Amino acid sequence: MSNEEFKLLVRVTKKYYLLDMKQDEIAQTEKISKSTVSRLLNKAKELGYVKINLDFPTLVMEELEKELKDVFNLKHIYIAESYSRDERLILSSVSDGLSRYLNTIISDGDLIGVSWGETMTYMSENLKLSPKKGVRIVQLNGGVARKNISTLSEKILINFAENYNAVGYFLNVPSFVDNAEIANTIMQDSKIKEVLDLAEEADTVIFGIGYINKNSILVRAGYFSEKDYENLRAEGFVGDICSRYIKEDGSHATGELYNRVVGINLESIMKKKNSIGVVIGPEKAKATLAALKGGYVNSLFTDEATAKEIVSLYKRE
């Protein structure tokens, strides 16, 4: 592009974006065709000279937020209004809300625990976090799949760590193993124990809440079969937090099912200063209500449809 062509591109772009001139007006003043104006505007975008920043005010769901906050004694709640049924827009709004909250509670030197899952993957990819010094990120539960798919647990931890320029601690083991004895042996390994001890130390933990369904990442990763999930549902389980299964009343699994997990336990999560649950989709409302009843979540980030379904389920009890 010659100097004269570049100057024309700058003039056209500024007239359009800064002076609010219409394309045909610009064409007339510059003595060029309207199609040339359009081409130059597109070129300015392609070259990165034009960056569009959408900064709409957040619509606060005050009544709904207050109701859930009061009933479940939450420290913080964020409900994204469902502008549309496009899940990507809802996820974007929730990740913005989570970013703003983390920027108010995370300080230099903090230790943060993160779980994995589809919602957590999106959150990690779209965070807008303020830089902090000396932050450490630790994985809360094992994420090595048994099948030839990825749980993206490493990617999630890396994304969080890169946002904070932090050191990350991976838990490169399966989430579930065959029995409690194997799980206990794995957790006694010095390197694994080091990571699990850090998970215990973390003041802030961030996790998704899963629900019992045949398309669950835990089924696709090979930890459970569809038949196993049918049995879990029959036994009254409705969802999981960090691979630990919970029932409708908030109680968690005991015995072999609970002790086969390699990762943080729910008793530890309950004691955290900030136990942040991130949930998108009304199909997860029953599992989320169970998590709230159990006291595993003290800060909730969700969408309008899910929040309304949680309230509806609670009122029907």
C-alpha atoms as a PDB file:
ATOM      1  CA  MET A   1       0.000   0.000   0.000  1.00  0.00           C
ATOM      2  CA  SER A   2       1.440   3.378  -1.031  1.00  0.00           C
ATOM      3  CA  ASN A   3       1.496   6.408   1.261  1.00  0.00           C
ATOM      4  CA  GLU A   4      -1.374   7.992  -0.660  1.00  0.00           C
ATOM      5  CA  GLU A   5      -3.476   4.822  -0.416  1.00  0.00           C
ATOM      6  CA  PHE A   6      -2.759   4.591   3.308  1.00  0.00           C
ATOM      7  CA  LYS A   7      -3.751   8.229   3.851  1.00  0.00           C
ATOM      8  CA  LEU A   8      -7.012   7.586   1.994  1.00  0.00           C
ATOM      9  CA  LEU A   9      -7.701   4.535   4.168  1.00  0.00           C
ATOM     10  CA  VAL A  10      -7.121   6.596   7.336  1.00  0.00           C
ATOM     11  CA  ARG A  11      -9.373   9.441   6.152  1.00  0.00           C
ATOM     12  CA  VAL A  12     -12.192   7.101   5.144  1.00  0.00           C
ATOM     13  CA  THR A  13     -11.983   5.130   8.389  1.00  0.00           C
ATOM     14  CA  LYS A  14     -11.949   8.210  10.621  1.00  0.00           C
ATOM     15  CA  LYS A  15     -14.846   9.809   8.764  1.00  0.00           C
ATOM     16  CA  TYR A  16     -16.892   6.642   9.164  1.00  0.00           C
ATOM     17  CA  TYR A  17     -16.118   5.793  12.793  1.00  0.00           C
ATOM     18  CA  LEU A  18     -15.318   9.169  14.353  1.00  0.00           C
ATOM     19  CA  LEU A  19     -17.492  11.558  12.347  1.00  0.00           C
ATOM     20  CA  ASP A  20     -20.416   9.143  11.853  1.00  0.00           C
ATOM     21  CA  MET A  21     -20.520   9.884   8.131  1.00  0.00           C
ATOM     22  CA  LYS A  22     -22.428   7.494   5.880  1.00  0.00           C
ATOM     23  CA  GLN A  23     -20.543   5.535   3.251  1.00  0.00           C
ATOM     24  CA  ASP A  24     -22.151   7.371   0.339  1.00  0.00           C
ATOM     25  CA  GLU A  25     -21.249  10.738   1.937  1.00  0.00           C
ATOM     26  CA  ILE A  26     -17.634   9.632   2.298  1.00  0.00           C
ATOM     27  CA  ALA A  27     -17.601   8.429  -1.307  1.00  0.00           C
ATOM     28  CA  GLN A  28     -18.817  11.838  -2.449  1.00  0.00           C
ATOM     29  CA  THR A  29     -16.300  13.847  -0.409  1.00  0.00           C
ATOM     30  CA  GLU A  30     -13.372  11.621  -1.389  1.00  0.00           C
ATOM     31  CA  LYS A  31     -14.524  11.298  -5.027  1.00  0.00           C
ATOM     32  CA  ILE A  32     -14.421   7.496  -4.913  1.00  0.00           C
ATOM     33  CA  SER A  33     -17.091   4.823  -5.288  1.00  0.00           C
ATOM     34  CA  LYS A  34     -19.154   3.528  -2.376  1.00  0.00           C
ATOM     35  CA  SER A  35     -17.753   0.039  -2.999  1.00  0.00           C
ATOM     36  CA  THR A  36     -14.233   1.451  -2.562  1.00  0.00           C
ATOM     37  CA  VAL A  37     -15.280   2.969   0.781  1.00  0.00           C
ATOM     38  CA  SER A  38     -16.621  -0.407   1.902  1.00  0.00           C
ATOM     39  CA  ARG A  39     -13.447  -2.163   0.779  1.00  0.00           C
ATOM     40  CA  LEU A  40     -11.241   0.311   2.654  1.00  0.00           C
ATOM     41  CA  LEU A  41     -13.287  -0.046   5.859  1.00  0.00           C
ATOM     42  CA  ASN A  42     -12.955  -3.825   5.684  1.00  0.00           C
ATOM     43  CA  LYS A  43      -9.226  -3.458   5.012  1.00  0.00           C
ATOM     44  CA  ALA A  44      -8.829  -1.275   8.107  1.00  0.00           C
ATOM     45  CA  LYS A  45     -10.433  -4.035  10.200  1.00  0.00           C
ATOM     46  CA  GLU A  46      -8.308  -6.765   8.631  1.00  0.00           C
ATOM     47  CA  LEU A  47      -5.114  -4.821   9.346  1.00  0.00           C
ATOM     48  CA  GLY A  48      -6.112  -4.326  12.977  1.00  0.00           C
ATOM     49  CA  TYR A  49      -6.499  -0.539  12.760  1.00  0.00           C
ATOM     50  CA  VAL A  50     -10.127  -0.801  13.870  1.00  0.00           C
ATOM     51  CA  LYS A  51     -10.884  -2.610  17.114  1.00  0.00           C
ATOM     52  CA  ILE A  52     -14.499  -2.750  18.197  1.00  0.00           C
ATOM     53  CA  ASN A  53     -15.063  -2.847  21.960  1.00  0.00           C
ATOM     54  CA  LEU A  54     -18.568  -3.594  23.204  1.00  0.00           C
ATOM     55  CA  ASP A  55     -19.051  -2.250  26.724  1.00  0.00           C
ATOM     56  CA  PHE A  56     -22.728  -2.597  27.528  1.00  0.00           C
ATOM     57  CA  PRO A  57     -23.841  -2.031  31.107  1.00  0.00           C
ATOM     58  CA  THR A  58     -24.511  -5.261  32.987  1.00  0.00           C
ATOM     59  CA  LEU A  59     -28.176  -5.773  33.724  1.00  0.00           C
ATOM     60  CA  VAL A  60     -28.335  -6.822  37.359  1.00  0.00           C
ATOM     61  CA  MET A  61     -30.925  -9.437  38.262  1.00  0.00           C
ATOM     62  CA  GLU A  62     -31.403  -7.842  41.668  1.00  0.00           C
ATOM     63  CA  GLU A  63     -34.485  -9.651  42.982  1.00  0.00           C
ATOM     64  CA  LEU A  64     -33.369 -13.076  41.789  1.00  0.00           C
ATOM     65  CA  GLU A  65     -29.840 -12.553  43.088  1.00  0.00           C
ATOM     66  CA  LYS A  66     -31.099 -11.356  46.485  1.00  0.00           C
ATOM     67  CA  GLU A  67     -33.440 -14.325  46.835  1.00  0.00           C
ATOM     68  CA  LEU A  68     -30.725 -16.889  46.165  1.00  0.00           C
ATOM     69  CA  LYS A  69     -28.144 -15.005  48.217  1.00  0.00           C
ATOM     70  CA  ASP A  70     -30.424 -14.820  51.255  1.00  0.00           C
ATOM     71  CA  VAL A  71     -31.758 -18.385  51.089  1.00  0.00           C
ATOM     72  CA  PHE A  72     -28.323 -19.995  50.738  1.00  0.00           C
ATOM     73  CA  ASN A  73     -26.253 -17.424  52.655  1.00  0.00           C
ATOM     74  CA  LEU A  74     -23.989 -16.714  49.686  1.00  0.00           C
ATOM     75  CA  LYS A  75     -21.076 -14.281  49.817  1.00  0.00           C
ATOM     76  CA  HIS A  76     -21.555 -13.324  46.189  1.00  0.00           C
ATOM     77  CA  ILE A  77     -23.810 -14.161  43.271  1.00  0.00           C
ATOM     78  CA  TYR A  78     -23.769 -13.136  39.626  1.00  0.00           C
ATOM     79  CA  ILE A  79     -26.644 -13.942  37.279  1.00  0.00           C
ATOM     80  CA  ALA A  80     -26.200 -13.206  33.583  1.00  0.00           C
ATOM     81  CA  GLU A  81     -29.374 -12.091  31.859  1.00  0.00           C
ATOM     82  CA  SER A  82     -30.292 -14.398  29.008  1.00  0.00           C
ATOM     83  CA  TYR A  83     -30.260 -11.889  26.125  1.00  0.00           C
ATOM     84  CA  SER A  84     -30.670 -14.807  23.757  1.00  0.00           C
ATOM     85  CA  ARG A  85     -30.569 -18.592  23.674  1.00  0.00           C
ATOM     86  CA  ASP A  86     -27.082 -18.500  22.187  1.00  0.00           C
ATOM     87  CA  GLU A  87     -25.005 -20.268  24.838  1.00  0.00           C
ATOM     88  CA  ARG A  88     -21.843 -18.493  23.669  1.00  0.00           C
ATOM     89  CA  LEU A  89     -23.295 -15.083  24.604  1.00  0.00           C
ATOM     90  CA  ILE A  90     -24.377 -16.387  28.007  1.00  0.00           C
ATOM     91  CA  LEU A  91     -20.957 -17.945  28.638  1.00  0.00           C
ATOM     92  CA  SER A  92     -19.309 -14.666  27.633  1.00  0.00           C
ATOM     93  CA  SER A  93     -21.420 -12.695  30.097  1.00  0.00           C
ATOM     94  CA  VAL A  94     -20.736 -15.145  32.937  1.00  0.00           C
ATOM     95  CA  SER A  95     -16.989 -15.119  32.233  1.00  0.00           C
ATOM     96  CA  ASP A  96     -17.032 -11.299  32.335  1.00  0.00           C
ATOM     97  CA  GLY A  97     -18.793 -11.407  35.713  1.00  0.00           C
ATOM     98  CA  LEU A  98     -16.344 -13.982  37.048  1.00  0.00           C
ATOM     99  CA  SER A  99     -13.372 -11.937  35.826  1.00  0.00           C
ATOM    100  CA  ARG A 100     -14.608  -8.801  37.580  1.00  0.00           C
ATOM    101  CA  TYR A 101     -15.168 -10.694  40.834  1.00  0.00           C
ATOM    102  CA  LEU A 102     -11.773 -12.403  40.767  1.00  0.00           C
ATOM    103  CA  ASN A 103     -10.154  -9.022  40.198  1.00  0.00           C
ATOM    104  CA  THR A 104     -11.657  -7.845  43.510  1.00  0.00           C
ATOM    105  CA  ILE A 105     -10.723 -10.866  45.649  1.00  0.00           C
ATOM    106  CA  ILE A 106      -7.375 -12.148  44.319  1.00  0.00           C
ATOM    107  CA  SER A 107      -4.235 -10.552  45.745  1.00  0.00           C
ATOM    108  CA  ASP A 108      -0.504 -10.933  45.176  1.00  0.00           C
ATOM    109  CA  GLY A 109       0.737 -14.308  46.397  1.00  0.00           C
ATOM    110  CA  ASP A 110      -2.668 -16.031  46.411  1.00  0.00           C
ATOM    111  CA  LEU A 111      -3.107 -19.735  45.753  1.00  0.00           C
ATOM    112  CA  ILE A 112      -6.085 -20.641  43.527  1.00  0.00           C
ATOM    113  CA  GLY A 113      -7.511 -24.101  42.875  1.00  0.00           C
ATOM    114  CA  VAL A 114      -9.314 -24.915  39.618  1.00  0.00           C
ATOM    115  CA  SER A 115     -11.273 -27.940  38.432  1.00  0.00           C
ATOM    116  CA  TRP A 116     -11.959 -28.983  34.838  1.00  0.00           C
ATOM    117  CA  GLY A 117     -14.931 -29.474  32.526  1.00  0.00           C
ATOM    118  CA  GLU A 118     -16.558 -27.767  29.552  1.00  0.00           C
ATOM    119  CA  THR A 119     -17.745 -24.689  31.466  1.00  0.00           C
ATOM    120  CA  MET A 120     -14.363 -24.263  33.124  1.00  0.00           C
ATOM    121  CA  THR A 121     -12.674 -24.558  29.726  1.00  0.00           C
ATOM    122  CA  TYR A 122     -14.680 -21.631  28.369  1.00  0.00           C
ATOM    123  CA  MET A 123     -14.117 -19.560  31.520  1.00  0.00           C
ATOM    124  CA  SER A 124     -10.368 -20.113  31.327  1.00  0.00           C
ATOM    125  CA  GLU A 125     -10.259 -19.063  27.663  1.00  0.00           C
ATOM    126  CA  ASN A 126     -12.172 -15.820  28.182  1.00  0.00           C
ATOM    127  CA  LEU A 127     -10.922 -14.404  31.466  1.00  0.00           C
ATOM    128  CA  LYS A 128      -9.923 -10.750  31.673  1.00  0.00           C
ATOM    129  CA  LEU A 129      -7.832 -10.720  34.821  1.00  0.00           C
ATOM    130  CA  SER A 130      -5.717  -8.001  36.393  1.00  0.00           C
ATOM    131  CA  PRO A 131      -2.042  -8.999  36.714  1.00  0.00           C
ATOM    132  CA  LYS A 132      -0.906 -10.114  40.178  1.00  0.00           C
ATOM    133  CA  LYS A 133       2.490 -11.095  41.561  1.00  0.00           C
ATOM    134  CA  GLY A 134       3.358 -14.501  42.953  1.00  0.00           C
ATOM    135  CA  VAL A 135       0.003 -16.160  42.257  1.00  0.00           C
ATOM    136  CA  ARG A 136      -0.034 -19.966  42.089  1.00  0.00           C
ATOM    137  CA  ILE A 137      -2.666 -22.121  40.351  1.00  0.00           C
ATOM    138  CA  VAL A 138      -3.300 -25.726  41.379  1.00  0.00           C
ATOM    139  CA  GLN A 139      -5.450 -28.430  39.789  1.00  0.00           C
ATOM    140  CA  LEU A 140      -8.088 -29.730  42.226  1.00  0.00           C
ATOM    141  CA  ASN A 141      -8.789 -33.182  40.799  1.00  0.00           C
ATOM    142  CA  GLY A 142      -7.134 -35.593  38.409  1.00  0.00           C
ATOM    143  CA  GLY A 143      -7.997 -35.129  34.764  1.00  0.00           C
ATOM    144  CA  VAL A 144      -6.215 -37.834  32.770  1.00  0.00           C
ATOM    145  CA  ALA A 145      -8.860 -39.564  30.642  1.00  0.00           C
ATOM    146  CA  ARG A 146      -9.124 -43.318  30.176  1.00  0.00           C
ATOM    147  CA  LYS A 147     -10.232 -42.946  26.571  1.00  0.00           C
ATOM    148  CA  ASN A 148      -8.601 -41.210  23.623  1.00  0.00           C
ATOM    149  CA  ILE A 149     -10.115 -37.804  24.388  1.00  0.00           C
ATOM    150  CA  SER A 150      -8.859 -34.869  26.398  1.00  0.00           C
ATOM    151  CA  THR A 151     -10.576 -33.455  29.469  1.00  0.00           C
ATOM    152  CA  LEU A 152      -8.626 -30.228  28.751  1.00  0.00           C
ATOM    153  CA  SER A 153      -7.626 -30.104  32.420  1.00  0.00           C
ATOM    154  CA  GLU A 154      -4.072 -29.059  31.510  1.00  0.00           C
ATOM    155  CA  LYS A 155      -5.300 -26.378  29.113  1.00  0.00           C
ATOM    156  CA  ILE A 156      -7.564 -24.901  31.795  1.00  0.00           C
ATOM    157  CA  LEU A 157      -4.746 -24.698  34.313  1.00  0.00           C
ATOM    158  CA  ILE A 158      -2.378 -23.212  31.725  1.00  0.00           C
ATOM    159  CA  ASN A 159      -4.954 -20.575  30.738  1.00  0.00           C
ATOM    160  CA  PHE A 160      -5.472 -19.503  34.350  1.00  0.00           C
ATOM    161  CA  ALA A 161      -1.728 -19.489  34.980  1.00  0.00           C
ATOM    162  CA  GLU A 162      -1.013 -17.402  31.870  1.00  0.00           C
ATOM    163  CA  ASN A 163      -3.663 -14.861  32.886  1.00  0.00           C
ATOM    164  CA  TYR A 164      -1.872 -14.306  36.182  1.00  0.00           C
ATOM    165  CA  ASN A 165       1.657 -14.999  34.912  1.00  0.00           C
ATOM    166  CA  ALA A 166       1.524 -17.662  37.609  1.00  0.00           C
ATOM    167  CA  VAL A 167       3.141 -20.991  38.415  1.00  0.00           C
ATOM    168  CA  GLY A 168       0.812 -23.927  37.695  1.00  0.00           C
ATOM    169  CA  TYR A 169       0.702 -27.276  39.484  1.00  0.00           C
ATOM    170  CA  PHE A 170      -0.754 -30.152  37.464  1.00  0.00           C
ATOM    171  CA  LEU A 171      -2.401 -33.286  38.827  1.00  0.00           C
ATOM    172  CA  ASN A 172      -1.506 -35.685  36.029  1.00  0.00           C
ATOM    173  CA  VAL A 173      -3.500 -38.666  37.256  1.00  0.00           C
ATOM    174  CA  PRO A 174      -6.982 -40.046  36.532  1.00  0.00           C
ATOM    175  CA  SER A 175      -9.919 -38.516  38.344  1.00  0.00           C
ATOM    176  CA  PHE A 176     -11.242 -41.985  39.222  1.00  0.00           C
ATOM    177  CA  VAL A 177      -9.318 -45.221  39.704  1.00  0.00           C
ATOM    178  CA  ASP A 178     -10.522 -48.807  40.148  1.00  0.00           C
ATOM    179  CA  ASN A 179     -10.704 -48.823  43.930  1.00  0.00           C
ATOM    180  CA  ALA A 180      -9.975 -46.833  47.080  1.00  0.00           C
ATOM    181  CA  GLU A 181      -6.725 -48.691  47.770  1.00  0.00           C
ATOM    182  CA  ILE A 182      -5.243 -47.619  44.431  1.00  0.00           C
ATOM    183  CA  ALA A 183      -6.423 -44.026  44.974  1.00  0.00           C
ATOM    184  CA  ASN A 184      -4.806 -43.928  48.401  1.00  0.00           C
ATOM    185  CA  THR A 185      -1.525 -45.313  47.038  1.00  0.00           C
ATOM    186  CA  ILE A 186      -1.448 -42.705  44.251  1.00  0.00           C
ATOM    187  CA  MET A 187      -2.154 -39.884  46.693  1.00  0.00           C
ATOM    188  CA  GLN A 188       0.784 -40.966  48.873  1.00  0.00           C
ATOM    189  CA  ASP A 189       3.242 -40.401  46.017  1.00  0.00           C
ATOM    190  CA  SER A 190       5.392 -37.436  47.055  1.00  0.00           C
ATOM    191  CA  LYS A 191       4.784 -35.368  43.901  1.00  0.00           C
ATOM    192  CA  ILE A 192       1.041 -36.057  43.860  1.00  0.00           C
ATOM    193  CA  LYS A 193       0.810 -35.335  47.583  1.00  0.00           C
ATOM    194  CA  GLU A 194       2.588 -32.013  47.042  1.00  0.00           C
ATOM    195  CA  VAL A 195      -0.108 -30.909  44.577  1.00  0.00           C
ATOM    196  CA  LEU A 196      -2.957 -32.174  46.771  1.00  0.00           C
ATOM    197  CA  ASP A 197      -1.486 -30.360  49.777  1.00  0.00           C
ATOM    198  CA  LEU A 198      -1.504 -27.145  47.741  1.00  0.00           C
ATOM    199  CA  ALA A 199      -5.150 -27.784  46.843  1.00  0.00           C
ATOM    200  CA  GLU A 200      -5.876 -28.041  50.573  1.00  0.00           C
ATOM    201  CA  GLU A 201      -4.044 -24.743  51.185  1.00  0.00           C
ATOM    202  CA  ALA A 202      -5.857 -22.748  48.496  1.00  0.00           C
ATOM    203  CA  ASP A 203      -8.154 -20.026  49.843  1.00  0.00           C
ATOM    204  CA  THR A 204     -10.041 -19.731  46.556  1.00  0.00           C
ATOM    205  CA  VAL A 205     -11.342 -22.653  44.494  1.00  0.00           C
ATOM    206  CA  ILE A 206     -13.254 -22.395  41.210  1.00  0.00           C
ATOM    207  CA  PHE A 207     -15.220 -25.309  39.821  1.00  0.00           C
ATOM    208  CA  GLY A 208     -18.079 -26.311  37.566  1.00  0.00           C
ATOM    209  CA  ILE A 209     -20.996 -28.446  38.733  1.00  0.00           C
ATOM    210  CA  GLY A 210     -21.751 -31.516  36.652  1.00  0.00           C
ATOM    211  CA  TYR A 211     -25.046 -33.339  36.345  1.00  0.00           C
ATOM    212  CA  ILE A 212     -25.898 -36.974  35.700  1.00  0.00           C
ATOM    213  CA  ASN A 213     -26.269 -37.468  31.945  1.00  0.00           C
ATOM    214  CA  LYS A 214     -24.962 -39.886  29.337  1.00  0.00           C
ATOM    215  CA  ASN A 215     -23.034 -37.130  27.535  1.00  0.00           C
ATOM    216  CA  SER A 216     -21.110 -36.137  30.659  1.00  0.00           C
ATOM    217  CA  ILE A 217     -17.388 -35.589  30.225  1.00  0.00           C
ATOM    218  CA  LEU A 218     -16.885 -38.288  32.892  1.00  0.00           C
ATOM    219  CA  VAL A 219     -18.636 -40.802  30.620  1.00  0.00           C
ATOM    220  CA  ARG A 220     -16.830 -39.610  27.486  1.00  0.00           C
ATOM    221  CA  ALA A 221     -13.494 -39.722  29.314  1.00  0.00           C
ATOM    222  CA  GLY A 222     -14.102 -43.384  30.152  1.00  0.00           C
ATOM    223  CA  TYR A 223     -14.498 -43.090  33.919  1.00  0.00           C
ATOM    224  CA  PHE A 224     -18.082 -44.356  33.815  1.00  0.00           C
ATOM    225  CA  SER A 225     -20.332 -46.213  31.411  1.00  0.00           C
ATOM    226  CA  GLU A 226     -23.863 -45.095  30.613  1.00  0.00           C
ATOM    227  CA  LYS A 227     -25.045 -48.046  32.745  1.00  0.00           C
ATOM    228  CA  ASP A 228     -22.975 -46.774  35.681  1.00  0.00           C
ATOM    229  CA  TYR A 229     -24.708 -43.418  35.359  1.00  0.00           C
ATOM    230  CA  GLU A 230     -28.123 -45.061  35.315  1.00  0.00           C
ATOM    231  CA  ASN A 231     -27.180 -46.778  38.573  1.00  0.00           C
ATOM    232  CA  LEU A 232     -25.962 -43.507  40.086  1.00  0.00           C
ATOM    233  CA  ARG A 233     -29.245 -41.829  39.200  1.00  0.00           C
ATOM    234  CA  ALA A 234     -31.196 -44.754  40.678  1.00  0.00           C
ATOM    235  CA  GLU A 235     -29.234 -44.345  43.910  1.00  0.00           C
ATOM    236  CA  GLY A 236     -30.301 -40.690  44.119  1.00  0.00           C
ATOM    237  CA  PHE A 237     -27.198 -38.906  42.874  1.00  0.00           C
ATOM    238  CA  VAL A 238     -27.823 -35.748  40.848  1.00  0.00           C
ATOM    239  CA  GLY A 239     -24.387 -34.305  40.068  1.00  0.00           C
ATOM    240  CA  ASP A 240     -20.749 -33.880  41.010  1.00  0.00           C
ATOM    241  CA  ILE A 241     -18.222 -31.323  42.194  1.00  0.00           C
ATOM    242  CA  CYS A 242     -14.595 -32.121  41.372  1.00  0.00           C
ATOM    243  CA  SER A 243     -15.675 -35.708  40.578  1.00  0.00           C
ATOM    244  CA  ARG A 244     -17.298 -36.139  44.018  1.00  0.00           C
ATOM    245  CA  TYR A 245     -20.947 -37.157  43.646  1.00  0.00           C
ATOM    246  CA  ILE A 246     -23.759 -35.511  45.574  1.00  0.00           C
ATOM    247  CA  LYS A 247     -27.405 -36.353  46.209  1.00  0.00           C
ATOM    248  CA  GLU A 248     -30.455 -34.121  45.983  1.00  0.00           C
ATOM    249  CA  ASP A 249     -30.303 -33.232  49.692  1.00  0.00           C
ATOM    250  CA  GLY A 250     -26.676 -32.114  49.397  1.00  0.00           C
ATOM    251  CA  SER A 251     -25.147 -35.181  51.034  1.00  0.00           C
ATOM    252  CA  HIS A 252     -22.221 -36.730  49.206  1.00  0.00           C
ATOM    253  CA  ALA A 253     -21.231 -40.255  48.281  1.00  0.00           C
ATOM    254  CA  THR A 254     -19.446 -42.343  50.882  1.00  0.00           C
ATOM    255  CA  GLY A 255     -17.426 -45.514  50.809  1.00  0.00           C
ATOM    256  CA  GLU A 256     -15.848 -46.842  47.632  1.00  0.00           C
ATOM    257  CA  LEU A 257     -17.450 -44.338  45.212  1.00  0.00           C
ATOM    258  CA  TYR A 258     -16.144 -41.374  47.206  1.00  0.00           C
ATOM    259  CA  ASN A 259     -12.743 -42.866  47.972  1.00  0.00           C
ATOM    260  CA  ARG A 260     -11.924 -43.855  44.383  1.00  0.00           C
ATOM    261  CA  VAL A 261     -11.442 -40.163  43.524  1.00  0.00           C
ATOM    262  CA  VAL A 262      -7.958 -38.659  43.268  1.00  0.00           C
ATOM    263  CA  GLY A 263      -8.448 -35.051  44.258  1.00  0.00           C
ATOM    264  CA  ILE A 264      -9.692 -32.595  46.824  1.00  0.00           C
ATOM    265  CA  ASN A 265     -12.582 -33.726  49.033  1.00  0.00           C
ATOM    266  CA  LEU A 266     -15.840 -31.859  49.579  1.00  0.00           C
ATOM    267  CA  GLU A 267     -15.175 -31.283  53.277  1.00  0.00           C
ATOM    268  CA  SER A 268     -12.161 -29.176  52.267  1.00  0.00           C
ATOM    269  CA  ILE A 269     -14.155 -27.254  49.665  1.00  0.00           C
ATOM    270  CA  MET A 270     -16.753 -26.354  52.309  1.00  0.00           C
ATOM    271  CA  LYS A 271     -14.066 -24.686  54.442  1.00  0.00           C
ATOM    272  CA  LYS A 272     -12.626 -22.467  51.711  1.00  0.00           C
ATOM    273  CA  LYS A 273     -12.777 -18.698  52.003  1.00  0.00           C
ATOM    274  CA  ASN A 274     -14.019 -18.543  48.400  1.00  0.00           C
ATOM    275  CA  SER A 275     -15.689 -21.643  46.940  1.00  0.00           C
ATOM    276  CA  ILE A 276     -16.866 -20.440  43.540  1.00  0.00           C
ATOM    277  CA  GLY A 277     -19.311 -22.525  41.518  1.00  0.00           C
ATOM    278  CA  VAL A 278     -19.817 -21.737  37.823  1.00  0.00           C
ATOM    279  CA  VAL A 279     -22.926 -23.250  36.217  1.00  0.00           C
ATOM    280  CA  ILE A 280     -24.566 -22.673  32.828  1.00  0.00           C
ATOM    281  CA  GLY A 281     -27.821 -24.340  31.784  1.00  0.00           C
ATOM    282  CA  PRO A 282     -31.102 -25.127  33.561  1.00  0.00           C
ATOM    283  CA  GLU A 283     -30.454 -28.860  33.130  1.00  0.00           C
ATOM    284  CA  LYS A 284     -27.847 -28.404  35.887  1.00  0.00           C
ATOM    285  CA  ALA A 285     -30.270 -26.680  38.276  1.00  0.00           C
ATOM    286  CA  LYS A 286     -31.009 -29.778  40.367  1.00  0.00           C
ATOM    287  CA  ALA A 287     -27.303 -30.520  40.819  1.00  0.00           C
ATOM    288  CA  THR A 288     -26.626 -26.874  41.650  1.00  0.00           C
ATOM    289  CA  LEU A 289     -29.433 -26.782  44.216  1.00  0.00           C
ATOM    290  CA  ALA A 290     -27.905 -29.874  45.834  1.00  0.00           C
ATOM    291  CA  ALA A 291     -24.493 -28.163  45.911  1.00  0.00           C
ATOM    292  CA  LEU A 292     -26.031 -25.093  47.553  1.00  0.00           C
ATOM    293  CA  LYS A 293     -27.841 -27.217  50.143  1.00  0.00           C
ATOM    294  CA  GLY A 294     -24.626 -29.061  50.930  1.00  0.00           C
ATOM    295  CA  GLY A 295     -22.773 -25.791  51.547  1.00  0.00           C
ATOM    296  CA  TYR A 296     -20.123 -26.503  48.925  1.00  0.00           C
ATOM    297  CA  VAL A 297     -20.658 -23.164  47.148  1.00  0.00           C
ATOM    298  CA  ASN A 298     -20.433 -19.714  48.749  1.00  0.00           C
ATOM    299  CA  SER A 299     -20.220 -17.737  45.494  1.00  0.00           C
ATOM    300  CA  LEU A 300     -22.328 -18.623  42.461  1.00  0.00           C
ATOM    301  CA  PHE A 301     -21.971 -17.549  38.825  1.00  0.00           C
ATOM    302  CA  THR A 302     -24.801 -18.616  36.559  1.00  0.00           C
ATOM    303  CA  ASP A 303     -27.372 -17.510  33.989  1.00  0.00           C
ATOM    304  CA  GLU A 304     -30.936 -16.302  34.362  1.00  0.00           C
ATOM    305  CA  ALA A 305     -32.647 -19.492  33.165  1.00  0.00           C
ATOM    306  CA  THR A 306     -30.621 -21.669  35.532  1.00  0.00           C
ATOM    307  CA  ALA A 307     -31.180 -19.340  38.494  1.00  0.00           C
ATOM    308  CA  LYS A 308     -34.933 -19.307  37.898  1.00  0.00           C
ATOM    309  CA  GLU A 309     -35.031 -23.097  37.694  1.00  0.00           C
ATOM    310  CA  ILE A 310     -33.068 -23.385  40.965  1.00  0.00           C
ATOM    311  CA  VAL A 311     -35.595 -21.131  42.706  1.00  0.00           C
ATOM    312  CA  SER A 312     -38.499 -23.045  41.158  1.00  0.00           C
ATOM    313  CA  LEU A 313     -37.123 -26.403  42.329  1.00  0.00           C
ATOM    314  CA  TYR A 314     -36.480 -25.031  45.812  1.00  0.00           C
ATOM    315  CA  LYS A 315     -40.013 -23.658  46.141  1.00  0.00           C
ATOM    316  CA  ARG A 316     -41.572 -26.941  45.001  1.00  0.00           C
ATOM    317  CA  GLU A 317     -39.932 -28.868  47.824  1.00  0.00           C
END
